[in-house]
Protein backbone atom coordinates (compact mmCIF):
# COMPACT_ATOMS: atom_id res chain seq x y z
CA MET A 1 -1.97 -58.49 85.24
CA ALA A 2 -2.53 -56.83 81.89
CA ALA A 3 -0.73 -58.26 78.88
CA LYS A 4 2.23 -56.30 77.58
CA ARG A 5 1.65 -54.19 74.50
CA PRO A 6 3.40 -55.56 71.40
CA LEU A 7 6.21 -53.32 70.21
CA ARG A 8 5.66 -51.70 66.82
CA VAL A 9 8.63 -51.85 64.45
CA LEU A 10 8.93 -50.15 61.05
CA CYS A 11 10.92 -52.46 58.76
CA LEU A 12 12.82 -51.07 55.76
CA ALA A 13 13.29 -53.54 52.91
CA GLY A 14 16.51 -54.09 51.01
CA PHE A 15 17.34 -53.00 47.49
CA ARG A 16 15.42 -54.89 44.80
CA GLN A 17 12.69 -56.09 47.17
CA SER A 18 8.99 -55.30 47.18
CA GLU A 19 6.87 -54.64 50.24
CA LEU A 20 4.99 -57.91 49.78
CA GLY A 21 8.18 -59.82 49.07
CA PHE A 22 9.81 -58.38 52.16
CA ARG A 23 6.81 -59.36 54.25
CA GLU A 24 7.27 -62.92 53.02
CA LYS A 25 11.00 -62.89 53.74
CA THR A 26 10.35 -61.69 57.30
CA GLY A 27 7.66 -64.32 57.87
CA ALA A 28 9.79 -66.55 60.09
CA LEU A 29 10.85 -63.56 62.19
CA ARG A 30 7.27 -62.33 62.36
CA LYS A 31 6.19 -65.73 63.67
CA ALA A 32 9.05 -65.83 66.18
CA LEU A 33 8.08 -62.41 67.56
CA ARG A 34 4.32 -62.98 67.56
CA GLY A 35 2.74 -61.25 70.53
CA ARG A 36 5.98 -59.40 71.28
CA ALA A 37 6.40 -57.19 68.21
CA GLU A 38 4.37 -56.06 65.21
CA LEU A 39 6.45 -55.68 62.05
CA VAL A 40 5.25 -53.06 59.55
CA CYS A 41 7.11 -53.48 56.24
CA LEU A 42 8.04 -50.65 53.90
CA SER A 43 9.82 -50.81 50.54
CA GLY A 44 11.67 -48.08 48.68
CA PRO A 45 9.90 -45.50 46.49
CA HIS A 46 11.81 -46.22 43.28
CA PRO A 47 11.00 -49.06 40.84
CA VAL A 48 14.07 -51.16 40.02
CA PRO A 49 14.57 -53.18 36.81
CA HIS A 50 14.69 -56.90 37.51
CA ALA A 51 18.24 -57.10 36.14
CA ALA A 52 19.58 -54.31 38.34
CA GLY A 53 22.28 -55.06 40.88
CA PRO A 54 24.67 -55.89 42.27
CA GLU A 55 23.24 -55.74 45.79
CA GLY A 56 21.06 -58.75 46.45
CA ALA A 57 22.44 -60.72 43.50
CA GLY A 58 23.12 -63.83 45.53
CA PRO A 59 20.82 -66.86 45.70
CA ASP A 60 19.88 -66.04 49.30
CA SER A 61 19.34 -62.34 48.67
CA GLY A 62 15.62 -62.28 49.38
CA ARG A 63 14.76 -60.78 46.00
CA CYS A 64 11.08 -60.39 45.35
CA PRO A 65 9.31 -62.91 43.10
CA SER A 66 9.41 -62.15 39.37
CA GLU A 67 5.74 -61.13 39.23
CA GLU A 68 6.32 -58.32 41.75
CA GLN A 69 7.87 -54.94 41.04
CA PRO A 70 11.20 -54.71 42.89
CA ARG A 71 11.99 -51.36 44.47
CA GLY A 72 14.93 -49.51 45.99
CA TRP A 73 15.73 -46.57 48.23
CA TRP A 74 18.34 -44.84 46.09
CA PHE A 75 20.68 -45.46 43.15
CA SER A 76 24.45 -45.04 42.97
CA GLU A 77 24.68 -43.98 39.30
CA GLN A 78 23.14 -41.00 37.54
CA ASP A 79 22.01 -42.75 34.37
CA ALA A 80 21.32 -46.31 35.56
CA ASP A 81 18.88 -47.72 38.10
CA VAL A 82 21.55 -49.72 39.92
CA PHE A 83 23.05 -49.72 43.38
CA SER A 84 26.40 -50.87 44.73
CA ALA A 85 26.84 -50.95 48.48
CA LEU A 86 30.62 -51.44 48.44
CA GLU A 87 31.78 -48.82 45.93
CA GLU A 88 31.97 -45.05 46.31
CA PRO A 89 28.96 -43.82 44.27
CA THR A 90 28.97 -41.01 41.75
CA VAL A 91 25.58 -39.89 43.10
CA CYS A 92 22.95 -40.89 45.63
CA ARG A 93 20.05 -40.40 43.26
CA GLY A 94 16.62 -40.62 44.83
CA LEU A 95 17.81 -40.33 48.43
CA GLU A 96 15.60 -37.38 49.30
CA GLU A 97 12.53 -39.24 48.04
CA ALA A 98 13.59 -42.21 50.18
CA LEU A 99 13.89 -40.05 53.28
CA GLY A 100 10.50 -38.54 52.49
CA THR A 101 8.95 -42.01 52.20
CA VAL A 102 10.25 -42.99 55.64
CA ALA A 103 9.19 -39.67 57.18
CA GLN A 104 5.68 -40.11 55.77
CA ALA A 105 5.44 -43.66 57.11
CA LEU A 106 6.59 -42.55 60.57
CA ASN A 107 3.99 -39.79 60.55
CA LYS A 108 1.03 -41.69 59.09
CA LEU A 109 1.61 -45.25 60.28
CA GLY A 110 3.29 -44.53 63.62
CA PRO A 111 4.05 -44.23 66.36
CA PHE A 112 6.76 -46.88 66.25
CA ASP A 113 8.95 -48.17 69.06
CA GLY A 114 11.80 -49.20 66.80
CA LEU A 115 13.28 -49.52 63.33
CA LEU A 116 14.50 -52.63 61.54
CA GLY A 117 16.45 -52.41 58.31
CA PHE A 118 17.80 -55.02 55.93
CA SER A 119 20.83 -54.34 53.71
CA GLN A 120 20.21 -51.02 51.89
CA GLY A 121 17.26 -50.53 54.24
CA ALA A 122 19.64 -50.97 57.20
CA ALA A 123 21.96 -48.28 55.86
CA LEU A 124 18.97 -45.98 55.44
CA ALA A 125 17.65 -46.77 58.93
CA ALA A 126 21.04 -45.85 60.41
CA LEU A 127 21.05 -42.60 58.43
CA VAL A 128 17.51 -41.78 59.60
CA CYS A 129 18.60 -42.22 63.22
CA ALA A 130 21.72 -40.12 62.69
CA LEU A 131 19.59 -37.34 61.22
CA GLY A 132 17.13 -37.65 64.09
CA GLN A 133 19.91 -37.44 66.67
CA ALA A 134 21.20 -34.35 64.85
CA GLY A 135 17.79 -32.70 65.30
CA ASP A 136 15.92 -33.40 62.05
CA PRO A 137 12.26 -33.05 63.11
CA ARG A 138 11.11 -35.58 60.52
CA PHE A 139 12.85 -38.39 62.35
CA PRO A 140 12.17 -38.68 66.08
CA LEU A 141 14.66 -41.12 67.56
CA PRO A 142 13.16 -44.59 68.06
CA ARG A 143 13.72 -46.51 71.25
CA PHE A 144 15.87 -49.07 69.45
CA ILE A 145 17.13 -50.18 66.06
CA ILE A 146 17.82 -53.63 64.54
CA LEU A 147 20.14 -53.70 61.51
CA VAL A 148 20.47 -56.89 59.44
CA SER A 149 23.30 -57.17 56.88
CA GLY A 150 23.90 -53.46 57.35
CA PHE A 151 26.72 -51.24 56.11
CA CYS A 152 27.82 -47.63 56.46
CA PRO A 153 26.28 -45.73 53.55
CA ARG A 154 28.73 -44.28 51.08
CA GLY A 155 28.43 -41.02 49.18
CA LEU A 156 28.17 -37.31 49.75
CA GLY A 157 25.46 -36.47 52.26
CA LEU A 158 25.33 -40.02 53.59
CA LYS A 159 28.53 -40.43 55.58
CA GLU A 160 28.52 -37.08 57.31
CA PRO A 161 25.59 -37.54 59.73
CA LEU A 162 27.01 -40.87 60.93
CA LEU A 163 30.46 -39.35 61.47
CA GLN A 164 29.26 -36.48 63.64
CA GLY A 165 29.29 -38.67 66.71
CA PRO A 166 28.29 -42.11 67.95
CA LEU A 167 24.60 -42.94 67.89
CA SER A 168 23.29 -43.35 71.41
CA LEU A 169 20.21 -45.53 70.90
CA PRO A 170 20.25 -49.27 71.70
CA SER A 171 21.11 -51.35 68.63
CA LEU A 172 21.21 -54.98 67.55
CA HIS A 173 23.36 -55.81 64.51
CA VAL A 174 22.72 -59.13 62.74
CA PHE A 175 24.98 -60.44 59.98
CA GLY A 176 26.17 -63.65 58.37
CA ASP A 177 29.71 -65.00 58.30
CA THR A 178 29.26 -66.10 54.68
CA ASP A 179 27.36 -63.06 53.38
CA ARG A 180 28.74 -62.48 49.87
CA VAL A 181 26.66 -59.34 49.26
CA ILE A 182 27.52 -57.36 52.39
CA PRO A 183 30.69 -58.81 53.98
CA SER A 184 30.61 -59.08 57.75
CA HIS A 185 33.31 -56.45 58.24
CA GLU A 186 30.96 -53.90 56.64
CA SER A 187 28.28 -54.71 59.21
CA MET A 188 30.84 -54.53 62.01
CA GLN A 189 31.92 -51.09 60.83
CA LEU A 190 28.32 -49.91 61.01
CA ALA A 191 27.95 -51.41 64.50
CA SER A 192 30.98 -49.38 65.62
CA GLN A 193 28.96 -46.19 65.03
CA PHE A 194 26.57 -47.13 67.87
CA LEU A 195 27.29 -46.90 71.59
CA GLY A 196 26.92 -50.27 73.31
CA ALA A 197 26.07 -52.11 70.09
CA ILE A 198 25.02 -55.75 70.40
CA THR A 199 26.05 -58.09 67.58
CA LEU A 200 24.41 -61.35 66.54
CA THR A 201 26.27 -63.43 63.97
CA HIS A 202 25.12 -66.51 62.09
CA SER A 203 26.76 -68.94 59.70
CA GLY A 204 24.56 -68.07 56.72
CA GLY A 205 24.49 -65.39 54.06
CA HIS A 206 22.36 -62.44 53.00
CA PHE A 207 19.03 -62.96 54.73
CA ILE A 208 17.18 -62.30 57.99
CA PRO A 209 17.83 -65.32 60.23
CA ALA A 210 15.14 -66.56 62.60
CA SER A 211 16.23 -69.93 63.95
CA ALA A 212 15.64 -70.84 67.59
CA LEU A 213 19.03 -69.42 68.60
CA GLN A 214 18.45 -66.11 66.87
CA ARG A 215 14.87 -65.98 68.15
CA GLN A 216 16.15 -65.97 71.71
CA ALA A 217 18.58 -63.17 70.90
CA TYR A 218 15.85 -61.03 69.32
CA LEU A 219 13.53 -61.59 72.27
CA LYS A 220 16.24 -60.84 74.83
CA PHE A 221 16.98 -57.57 73.05
CA LEU A 222 13.32 -56.57 72.66
CA ASP A 223 12.24 -57.55 76.19
CA GLN A 224 14.05 -54.56 77.67
CA PHE A 225 11.59 -52.28 75.84
CA ALA A 226 8.38 -54.15 76.72
CA GLU A 227 5.68 -52.16 78.50
């Protein structure tokens, strides 16, 4: 019997991470899913000053090493390259460029079976799927989505697509009970926007968990899409 094809998953990094740094931070997950899923990492289009915050300010935030240029998907102030996930922003500066970056990756690097997003990348992944469900031709709906330390995006133009109706694609929502950057209730609120959402909690903070227990949960979720 022929071996099953590994699933291809486009992974959207968090705020203040680089593509290389995000690859390193997903190393344990990549190893756990070896042969079952190929993770293709993508960071935001906008350079972020090393001092920018507050998202990802914690010691377990997965920030990229100091020699790498951190990046982000969009900023929540007009005159500062900063982002706050938990406050209503004055602007969503750079969002269109972020959507364009994802659309280009889907077109040039795809096809992909699913999306995975971490933190700000999870909020963007949810938005991309909402836009796709609403008929945006740039974003064909993936077969599944995995959102780690996710939250409902705030700001004009961000909330509306998610509020037009529940998202119908299969989803796995992973978050930590002690996450000080994105509190668990924020991730639960995002999960409530998806029909039949599956949640996976862990005792840690703001990172992508990949212990034996979580590995089994990832594999159980992904196995339903294996070909």
